[in-house]
Amino acid sequence: MNILKKKAAPAEPIDTTGLAPADYRLPVWFFGFEGVLAAAFDILRAFPSAWPVLLVLLAVNITVSLTVMRKRLRLAKALWRGKETRRVAITLIALRVGSHFALNAVGLTVHSTLGHVVFALVMSATTIGLLAYSQQTSIRALTAAATPAAPAAPAA
């Protein structure tokens, strides 16, 4: 069997029988993992010895994703295909890179521990907020699509 010519299996359909779109909602605490990982650069700049803690949090994030949140992550995979979620990811990257470029342009490079802690908090809060907003928007759209349309009023 030639591994290079192996065709990819089609994606599994999401089983939505008996579940409302809101049942797939990821809890906000799960976004906390993502917030910490989004702030990892500044956490490491402020506290270089924190890398083992970040690795443990990354491992916990992956473990929780693959076990406890398994059914919900099927929806998350589908959401990643949407342009709104990709827009959130691109916005976070642009915010991260752009903020440092902007500060460097005006001569306010972040070097202090406090500056990196503030940056880490802002990046974490922004990540959690944008992901929660994106999820809420997606759930609202899925709920609207799942509810049958009301019949039109008869013309008088």
N, C-alpha and C. Protein backbone atom coordinates (compact mmCIF):
# COMPACT_ATOMS: atom_id res chain seq x y z
N MET A 1 0.84 -1.18 0.00
CA MET A 1 0.00 0.00 0.00
C MET A 1 0.88 1.24 0.00
N ASN A 2 0.63 2.13 -0.91
CA ASN A 2 1.39 3.36 -1.02
C ASN A 2 0.73 4.43 -0.16
N ILE A 3 1.40 4.86 0.88
CA ILE A 3 0.84 5.84 1.81
C ILE A 3 0.63 7.18 1.14
N LEU A 4 1.49 7.54 0.22
CA LEU A 4 1.40 8.83 -0.43
C LEU A 4 0.16 8.96 -1.32
N LYS A 5 -0.35 7.85 -1.82
CA LYS A 5 -1.52 7.90 -2.70
C LYS A 5 -2.82 7.57 -1.98
N LYS A 6 -2.77 7.46 -0.68
CA LYS A 6 -3.97 7.15 0.09
C LYS A 6 -4.92 8.34 0.06
N LYS A 7 -6.16 8.07 -0.24
CA LYS A 7 -7.15 9.13 -0.29
C LYS A 7 -7.68 9.41 1.11
N ALA A 8 -7.96 10.67 1.37
CA ALA A 8 -8.51 11.05 2.67
C ALA A 8 -9.96 10.60 2.76
N ALA A 9 -10.33 10.13 3.92
CA ALA A 9 -11.71 9.71 4.15
C ALA A 9 -12.59 10.94 4.25
N PRO A 10 -13.83 10.83 3.80
CA PRO A 10 -14.72 12.00 3.93
C PRO A 10 -14.98 12.33 5.39
N ALA A 11 -15.23 13.58 5.66
CA ALA A 11 -15.47 14.02 7.03
C ALA A 11 -16.74 13.40 7.56
N GLU A 12 -16.72 13.06 8.85
CA GLU A 12 -17.91 12.49 9.47
C GLU A 12 -18.98 13.57 9.61
N PRO A 13 -20.21 13.22 9.30
CA PRO A 13 -21.27 14.22 9.50
C PRO A 13 -21.52 14.42 10.99
N ILE A 14 -21.93 15.61 11.36
CA ILE A 14 -22.22 15.91 12.75
C ILE A 14 -23.58 15.34 13.08
N ASP A 15 -23.64 14.50 14.10
CA ASP A 15 -24.90 13.91 14.53
C ASP A 15 -25.63 14.91 15.42
N THR A 16 -26.72 15.45 14.89
CA THR A 16 -27.46 16.46 15.65
C THR A 16 -28.82 15.97 16.09
N THR A 17 -29.03 14.67 16.04
CA THR A 17 -30.34 14.16 16.43
C THR A 17 -30.55 14.34 17.93
N GLY A 18 -31.63 14.98 18.25
CA GLY A 18 -32.00 15.16 19.66
C GLY A 18 -31.25 16.27 20.38
N LEU A 19 -30.39 16.98 19.70
CA LEU A 19 -29.63 18.04 20.35
C LEU A 19 -29.95 19.38 19.70
N ALA A 20 -30.15 20.36 20.54
CA ALA A 20 -30.33 21.72 20.04
C ALA A 20 -28.96 22.33 19.81
N PRO A 21 -28.85 23.32 18.94
CA PRO A 21 -27.54 23.95 18.70
C PRO A 21 -26.89 24.48 19.98
N ALA A 22 -27.70 24.94 20.94
CA ALA A 22 -27.13 25.46 22.18
C ALA A 22 -26.47 24.36 23.01
N ASP A 23 -26.82 23.09 22.77
CA ASP A 23 -26.21 21.99 23.50
C ASP A 23 -24.74 21.79 23.15
N TYR A 24 -24.33 22.33 22.03
CA TYR A 24 -22.94 22.21 21.60
C TYR A 24 -22.06 23.35 22.11
N ARG A 25 -22.63 24.26 22.85
CA ARG A 25 -21.91 25.44 23.33
C ARG A 25 -20.69 25.02 24.16
N LEU A 26 -19.55 25.61 23.80
CA LEU A 26 -18.33 25.38 24.58
C LEU A 26 -18.37 26.28 25.81
N PRO A 27 -18.02 25.78 26.97
CA PRO A 27 -18.05 26.62 28.17
C PRO A 27 -16.96 27.69 28.13
N VAL A 28 -17.22 28.80 28.79
CA VAL A 28 -16.27 29.92 28.78
C VAL A 28 -14.95 29.51 29.42
N TRP A 29 -14.97 28.62 30.41
CA TRP A 29 -13.71 28.20 31.03
C TRP A 29 -12.80 27.52 30.02
N PHE A 30 -13.38 26.87 29.01
CA PHE A 30 -12.56 26.24 27.98
C PHE A 30 -11.83 27.31 27.17
N PHE A 31 -12.48 28.46 26.97
CA PHE A 31 -11.83 29.56 26.28
C PHE A 31 -10.68 30.12 27.11
N GLY A 32 -10.73 29.89 28.41
CA GLY A 32 -9.62 30.32 29.27
C GLY A 32 -8.31 29.67 28.87
N PHE A 33 -8.37 28.38 28.50
CA PHE A 33 -7.18 27.71 28.00
C PHE A 33 -6.63 28.46 26.79
N GLU A 34 -7.52 28.78 25.87
CA GLU A 34 -7.11 29.48 24.66
C GLU A 34 -6.56 30.86 24.98
N GLY A 35 -7.16 31.52 25.96
CA GLY A 35 -6.68 32.84 26.37
C GLY A 35 -5.27 32.78 26.93
N VAL A 36 -5.00 31.79 27.75
CA VAL A 36 -3.65 31.65 28.32
C VAL A 36 -2.64 31.35 27.21
N LEU A 37 -3.03 30.49 26.27
CA LEU A 37 -2.11 30.17 25.19
C LEU A 37 -1.90 31.37 24.27
N ALA A 38 -2.93 32.21 24.10
CA ALA A 38 -2.76 33.42 23.29
C ALA A 38 -1.83 34.41 23.97
N ALA A 39 -1.79 34.37 25.29
CA ALA A 39 -0.94 35.27 26.05
C ALA A 39 0.43 34.67 26.36
N ALA A 40 0.70 33.48 25.85
CA ALA A 40 1.92 32.76 26.20
C ALA A 40 3.20 33.55 25.89
N PHE A 41 3.22 34.26 24.78
CA PHE A 41 4.42 35.02 24.43
C PHE A 41 4.77 36.01 25.54
N ASP A 42 3.79 36.79 25.97
CA ASP A 42 4.06 37.79 27.00
C ASP A 42 4.27 37.17 28.38
N ILE A 43 3.60 36.05 28.64
CA ILE A 43 3.83 35.36 29.91
C ILE A 43 5.28 34.89 29.98
N LEU A 44 5.78 34.35 28.88
CA LEU A 44 7.17 33.89 28.86
C LEU A 44 8.16 35.05 28.92
N ARG A 45 7.79 36.19 28.33
CA ARG A 45 8.66 37.37 28.42
C ARG A 45 8.70 37.91 29.85
N ALA A 46 7.56 37.86 30.53
CA ALA A 46 7.50 38.38 31.90
C ALA A 46 8.10 37.38 32.89
N PHE A 47 7.81 36.10 32.68
CA PHE A 47 8.26 35.05 33.60
C PHE A 47 8.85 33.90 32.78
N PRO A 48 10.14 33.98 32.44
CA PRO A 48 10.76 32.96 31.58
C PRO A 48 10.70 31.55 32.15
N SER A 49 10.60 31.41 33.44
CA SER A 49 10.57 30.07 34.03
C SER A 49 9.16 29.47 34.03
N ALA A 50 8.19 30.12 33.42
CA ALA A 50 6.81 29.63 33.41
C ALA A 50 6.54 28.65 32.27
N TRP A 51 7.51 28.35 31.44
CA TRP A 51 7.27 27.48 30.29
C TRP A 51 6.76 26.09 30.67
N PRO A 52 7.22 25.48 31.80
CA PRO A 52 6.66 24.16 32.13
C PRO A 52 5.15 24.23 32.43
N VAL A 53 4.73 25.30 33.08
CA VAL A 53 3.31 25.47 33.39
C VAL A 53 2.51 25.61 32.09
N LEU A 54 3.04 26.37 31.14
CA LEU A 54 2.35 26.53 29.86
C LEU A 54 2.28 25.21 29.10
N LEU A 55 3.34 24.40 29.17
CA LEU A 55 3.31 23.09 28.52
C LEU A 55 2.26 22.18 29.17
N VAL A 56 2.16 22.22 30.49
CA VAL A 56 1.15 21.42 31.19
C VAL A 56 -0.26 21.89 30.79
N LEU A 57 -0.47 23.22 30.74
CA LEU A 57 -1.77 23.74 30.32
C LEU A 57 -2.10 23.34 28.88
N LEU A 58 -1.11 23.34 28.01
CA LEU A 58 -1.31 22.91 26.64
C LEU A 58 -1.72 21.43 26.60
N ALA A 59 -1.04 20.60 27.39
CA ALA A 59 -1.37 19.17 27.45
C ALA A 59 -2.78 18.96 28.00
N VAL A 60 -3.13 19.71 29.04
CA VAL A 60 -4.48 19.61 29.61
C VAL A 60 -5.52 20.05 28.58
N ASN A 61 -5.23 21.11 27.86
CA ASN A 61 -6.13 21.61 26.83
C ASN A 61 -6.37 20.53 25.77
N ILE A 62 -5.32 19.91 25.31
CA ILE A 62 -5.45 18.87 24.29
C ILE A 62 -6.21 17.66 24.85
N THR A 63 -5.90 17.27 26.08
CA THR A 63 -6.57 16.13 26.69
C THR A 63 -8.06 16.39 26.87
N VAL A 64 -8.41 17.56 27.38
CA VAL A 64 -9.83 17.91 27.56
C VAL A 64 -10.52 17.96 26.20
N SER A 65 -9.84 18.50 25.21
CA SER A 65 -10.42 18.60 23.87
C SER A 65 -10.73 17.22 23.29
N LEU A 66 -9.84 16.28 23.50
CA LEU A 66 -10.00 14.96 22.90
C LEU A 66 -10.88 14.02 23.72
N THR A 67 -11.22 14.38 24.94
CA THR A 67 -12.02 13.49 25.77
C THR A 67 -13.36 14.13 26.15
N VAL A 68 -13.35 15.02 27.08
CA VAL A 68 -14.57 15.60 27.63
C VAL A 68 -15.36 16.36 26.58
N MET A 69 -14.69 17.09 25.73
CA MET A 69 -15.36 17.98 24.78
C MET A 69 -15.46 17.37 23.38
N ARG A 70 -15.33 16.07 23.26
CA ARG A 70 -15.25 15.42 21.95
C ARG A 70 -16.41 15.78 21.02
N LYS A 71 -17.66 15.62 21.48
CA LYS A 71 -18.81 15.92 20.62
C LYS A 71 -18.88 17.40 20.28
N ARG A 72 -18.53 18.25 21.22
CA ARG A 72 -18.58 19.68 20.96
C ARG A 72 -17.51 20.11 19.98
N LEU A 73 -16.39 19.41 19.96
CA LEU A 73 -15.32 19.78 19.05
C LEU A 73 -15.66 19.45 17.61
N ARG A 74 -16.61 18.55 17.39
CA ARG A 74 -17.06 18.33 16.02
C ARG A 74 -17.69 19.61 15.49
N LEU A 75 -18.46 20.27 16.33
CA LEU A 75 -19.03 21.55 15.93
C LEU A 75 -17.92 22.59 15.75
N ALA A 76 -16.94 22.58 16.66
CA ALA A 76 -15.84 23.54 16.56
C ALA A 76 -15.09 23.36 15.24
N LYS A 77 -14.89 22.11 14.81
CA LYS A 77 -14.22 21.88 13.52
C LYS A 77 -15.05 22.47 12.38
N ALA A 78 -16.37 22.29 12.48
CA ALA A 78 -17.23 22.86 11.45
C ALA A 78 -17.17 24.39 11.49
N LEU A 79 -17.08 24.96 12.70
CA LEU A 79 -17.01 26.41 12.82
C LEU A 79 -15.71 26.95 12.24
N TRP A 80 -14.61 26.19 12.34
CA TRP A 80 -13.33 26.65 11.79
C TRP A 80 -13.39 26.81 10.29
N ARG A 81 -14.34 26.10 9.67
CA ARG A 81 -14.49 26.24 8.22
C ARG A 81 -15.19 27.55 7.86
N GLY A 82 -15.85 28.16 8.85
CA GLY A 82 -16.56 29.42 8.61
C GLY A 82 -15.61 30.60 8.61
N LYS A 83 -15.96 31.61 7.83
CA LYS A 83 -15.06 32.74 7.71
C LYS A 83 -15.06 33.62 8.96
N GLU A 84 -16.11 33.59 9.77
CA GLU A 84 -16.15 34.40 10.99
C GLU A 84 -15.07 33.95 11.99
N THR A 85 -14.93 32.64 12.17
CA THR A 85 -13.93 32.13 13.11
C THR A 85 -12.52 32.41 12.60
N ARG A 86 -12.31 32.26 11.31
CA ARG A 86 -10.99 32.59 10.76
C ARG A 86 -10.71 34.07 10.90
N ARG A 87 -11.74 34.89 10.78
CA ARG A 87 -11.57 36.33 10.94
C ARG A 87 -11.13 36.65 12.37
N VAL A 88 -11.69 35.94 13.35
CA VAL A 88 -11.29 36.14 14.75
C VAL A 88 -9.82 35.78 14.91
N ALA A 89 -9.40 34.66 14.36
CA ALA A 89 -8.00 34.24 14.49
C ALA A 89 -7.06 35.24 13.83
N ILE A 90 -7.42 35.70 12.65
CA ILE A 90 -6.58 36.68 11.95
C ILE A 90 -6.55 38.00 12.71
N THR A 91 -7.69 38.38 13.29
CA THR A 91 -7.74 39.61 14.09
C THR A 91 -6.81 39.52 15.30
N LEU A 92 -6.81 38.37 15.96
CA LEU A 92 -5.93 38.21 17.13
C LEU A 92 -4.46 38.28 16.73
N ILE A 93 -4.11 37.67 15.63
CA ILE A 93 -2.72 37.73 15.17
C ILE A 93 -2.35 39.15 14.78
N ALA A 94 -3.25 39.82 14.06
CA ALA A 94 -2.99 41.21 13.65
C ALA A 94 -2.87 42.12 14.86
N LEU A 95 -3.71 41.89 15.87
CA LEU A 95 -3.64 42.69 17.10
C LEU A 95 -2.31 42.48 17.80
N ARG A 96 -1.88 41.25 17.86
CA ARG A 96 -0.63 40.90 18.54
C ARG A 96 0.56 41.56 17.85
N VAL A 97 0.67 41.34 16.56
CA VAL A 97 1.81 41.87 15.80
C VAL A 97 1.69 43.39 15.65
N GLY A 98 0.51 43.86 15.32
CA GLY A 98 0.31 45.29 15.09
C GLY A 98 0.54 46.14 16.31
N SER A 99 0.14 45.63 17.48
CA SER A 99 0.34 46.42 18.69
C SER A 99 1.82 46.61 19.00
N HIS A 100 2.61 45.58 18.80
CA HIS A 100 4.05 45.73 19.04
C HIS A 100 4.70 46.64 18.00
N PHE A 101 4.28 46.53 16.74
CA PHE A 101 4.80 47.43 15.72
C PHE A 101 4.44 48.87 16.02
N ALA A 102 3.20 49.09 16.44
CA ALA A 102 2.74 50.45 16.75
C ALA A 102 3.50 51.02 17.94
N LEU A 103 3.71 50.21 18.96
CA LEU A 103 4.46 50.70 20.12
C LEU A 103 5.92 50.97 19.76
N ASN A 104 6.49 50.11 18.93
CA ASN A 104 7.87 50.35 18.49
C ASN A 104 7.98 51.61 17.65
N ALA A 105 6.96 51.88 16.85
CA ALA A 105 6.98 53.07 15.99
C ALA A 105 6.99 54.36 16.78
N VAL A 106 6.34 54.36 17.93
CA VAL A 106 6.31 55.58 18.75
C VAL A 106 7.36 55.54 19.86
N GLY A 107 8.21 54.52 19.85
CA GLY A 107 9.31 54.45 20.81
C GLY A 107 8.92 53.94 22.18
N LEU A 108 7.85 53.18 22.28
CA LEU A 108 7.41 52.63 23.56
C LEU A 108 7.49 51.11 23.57
N THR A 109 8.66 50.58 23.34
CA THR A 109 8.84 49.14 23.34
C THR A 109 8.59 48.58 24.73
N VAL A 110 7.89 47.46 24.79
CA VAL A 110 7.56 46.82 26.07
C VAL A 110 8.75 45.97 26.51
N HIS A 111 9.34 46.36 27.63
CA HIS A 111 10.47 45.61 28.18
C HIS A 111 10.22 45.16 29.61
N SER A 112 9.35 45.83 30.32
CA SER A 112 9.17 45.54 31.74
C SER A 112 8.25 44.34 31.95
N THR A 113 8.39 43.75 33.12
CA THR A 113 7.53 42.64 33.50
C THR A 113 6.08 43.09 33.56
N LEU A 114 5.84 44.25 34.14
CA LEU A 114 4.48 44.77 34.24
C LEU A 114 3.87 44.98 32.85
N GLY A 115 4.64 45.52 31.93
CA GLY A 115 4.15 45.73 30.56
C GLY A 115 3.75 44.43 29.90
N HIS A 116 4.56 43.39 30.08
CA HIS A 116 4.23 42.09 29.49
C HIS A 116 3.03 41.45 30.19
N VAL A 117 2.91 41.65 31.49
CA VAL A 117 1.74 41.12 32.21
C VAL A 117 0.46 41.80 31.70
N VAL A 118 0.52 43.12 31.52
CA VAL A 118 -0.64 43.85 31.00
C VAL A 118 -0.98 43.36 29.59
N PHE A 119 0.04 43.20 28.76
CA PHE A 119 -0.19 42.69 27.41
C PHE A 119 -0.81 41.29 27.46
N ALA A 120 -0.31 40.44 28.35
CA ALA A 120 -0.85 39.09 28.48
C ALA A 120 -2.32 39.12 28.89
N LEU A 121 -2.65 39.99 29.84
CA LEU A 121 -4.05 40.10 30.28
C LEU A 121 -4.95 40.61 29.16
N VAL A 122 -4.47 41.60 28.42
CA VAL A 122 -5.27 42.15 27.31
C VAL A 122 -5.46 41.10 26.23
N MET A 123 -4.40 40.39 25.86
CA MET A 123 -4.52 39.36 24.82
C MET A 123 -5.42 38.22 25.28
N SER A 124 -5.32 37.83 26.53
CA SER A 124 -6.16 36.76 27.04
C SER A 124 -7.63 37.17 27.06
N ALA A 125 -7.91 38.35 27.57
CA ALA A 125 -9.30 38.84 27.62
C ALA A 125 -9.88 39.02 26.22
N THR A 126 -9.07 39.53 25.31
CA THR A 126 -9.53 39.73 23.94
C THR A 126 -9.83 38.39 23.27
N THR A 127 -8.97 37.42 23.48
CA THR A 127 -9.18 36.09 22.91
C THR A 127 -10.46 35.47 23.43
N ILE A 128 -10.63 35.50 24.74
CA ILE A 128 -11.83 34.91 25.35
C ILE A 128 -13.08 35.64 24.85
N GLY A 129 -13.03 36.95 24.81
CA GLY A 129 -14.19 37.72 24.36
C GLY A 129 -14.54 37.45 22.91
N LEU A 130 -13.54 37.45 22.03
CA LEU A 130 -13.81 37.22 20.61
C LEU A 130 -14.28 35.79 20.34
N LEU A 131 -13.71 34.81 21.03
CA LEU A 131 -14.15 33.44 20.83
C LEU A 131 -15.57 33.22 21.36
N ALA A 132 -15.88 33.81 22.52
CA ALA A 132 -17.23 33.70 23.06
C ALA A 132 -18.24 34.39 22.14
N TYR A 133 -17.87 35.55 21.60
CA TYR A 133 -18.74 36.26 20.66
C TYR A 133 -18.95 35.45 19.39
N SER A 134 -17.89 34.88 18.86
CA SER A 134 -17.98 34.08 17.64
C SER A 134 -18.87 32.86 17.87
N GLN A 135 -18.71 32.23 19.02
CA GLN A 135 -19.54 31.08 19.35
C GLN A 135 -21.01 31.49 19.47
N GLN A 136 -21.26 32.59 20.17
CA GLN A 136 -22.63 33.06 20.34
C GLN A 136 -23.28 33.37 19.00
N THR A 137 -22.55 34.00 18.11
CA THR A 137 -23.06 34.31 16.78
C THR A 137 -23.37 33.03 16.01
N SER A 138 -22.49 32.05 16.10
CA SER A 138 -22.70 30.78 15.40
C SER A 138 -23.89 30.02 15.97
N ILE A 139 -24.00 29.98 17.29
CA ILE A 139 -25.13 29.29 17.93
C ILE A 139 -26.44 29.97 17.53
N ARG A 140 -26.44 31.31 17.51
CA ARG A 140 -27.64 32.04 17.11
C ARG A 140 -28.02 31.69 15.67
N ALA A 141 -27.03 31.62 14.79
CA ALA A 141 -27.30 31.29 13.39
C ALA A 141 -27.81 29.86 13.25
N LEU A 142 -27.20 28.93 13.99
CA LEU A 142 -27.64 27.53 13.93
C LEU A 142 -29.04 27.37 14.51
N THR A 143 -29.34 28.10 15.57
CA THR A 143 -30.67 28.04 16.18
C THR A 143 -31.71 28.59 15.21
N ALA A 144 -31.39 29.69 14.56
CA ALA A 144 -32.31 30.27 13.58
C ALA A 144 -32.54 29.31 12.41
N ALA A 145 -31.50 28.62 12.00
CA ALA A 145 -31.63 27.67 10.89
C ALA A 145 -32.41 26.43 11.31
N ALA A 146 -32.34 26.06 12.60
CA ALA A 146 -33.00 24.85 13.08
C ALA A 146 -34.48 25.07 13.36
N THR A 147 -34.89 26.30 13.66
CA THR A 147 -36.30 26.55 13.94
C THR A 147 -37.05 26.75 12.63
N PRO A 148 -38.22 26.12 12.53
CA PRO A 148 -38.98 26.28 11.29
C PRO A 148 -39.50 27.70 11.17
N ALA A 149 -39.56 28.16 9.95
CA ALA A 149 -40.03 29.53 9.69
C ALA A 149 -41.51 29.61 9.98
N ALA A 150 -41.94 30.73 10.53
CA ALA A 150 -43.35 30.94 10.81
C ALA A 150 -44.10 31.13 9.50
N PRO A 151 -45.32 30.60 9.42
CA PRO A 151 -46.07 30.76 8.16
C PRO A 151 -46.38 32.23 7.92
N ALA A 152 -46.41 32.59 6.68
CA ALA A 152 -46.68 33.98 6.31
C ALA A 152 -48.14 34.31 6.59
N ALA A 153 -48.37 35.53 7.00
CA ALA A 153 -49.74 35.97 7.29
C ALA A 153 -50.51 36.07 5.96
N PRO A 154 -51.79 35.65 5.99
CA PRO A 154 -52.56 35.72 4.74
C PRO A 154 -52.79 37.19 4.36
N ALA A 155 -52.79 37.40 3.06
CA ALA A 155 -53.00 38.76 2.56
C ALA A 155 -54.47 39.16 2.76
N ALA A 156 -54.70 40.39 3.13
CA ALA A 156 -56.07 40.83 3.40
C ALA A 156 -56.74 41.36 2.18
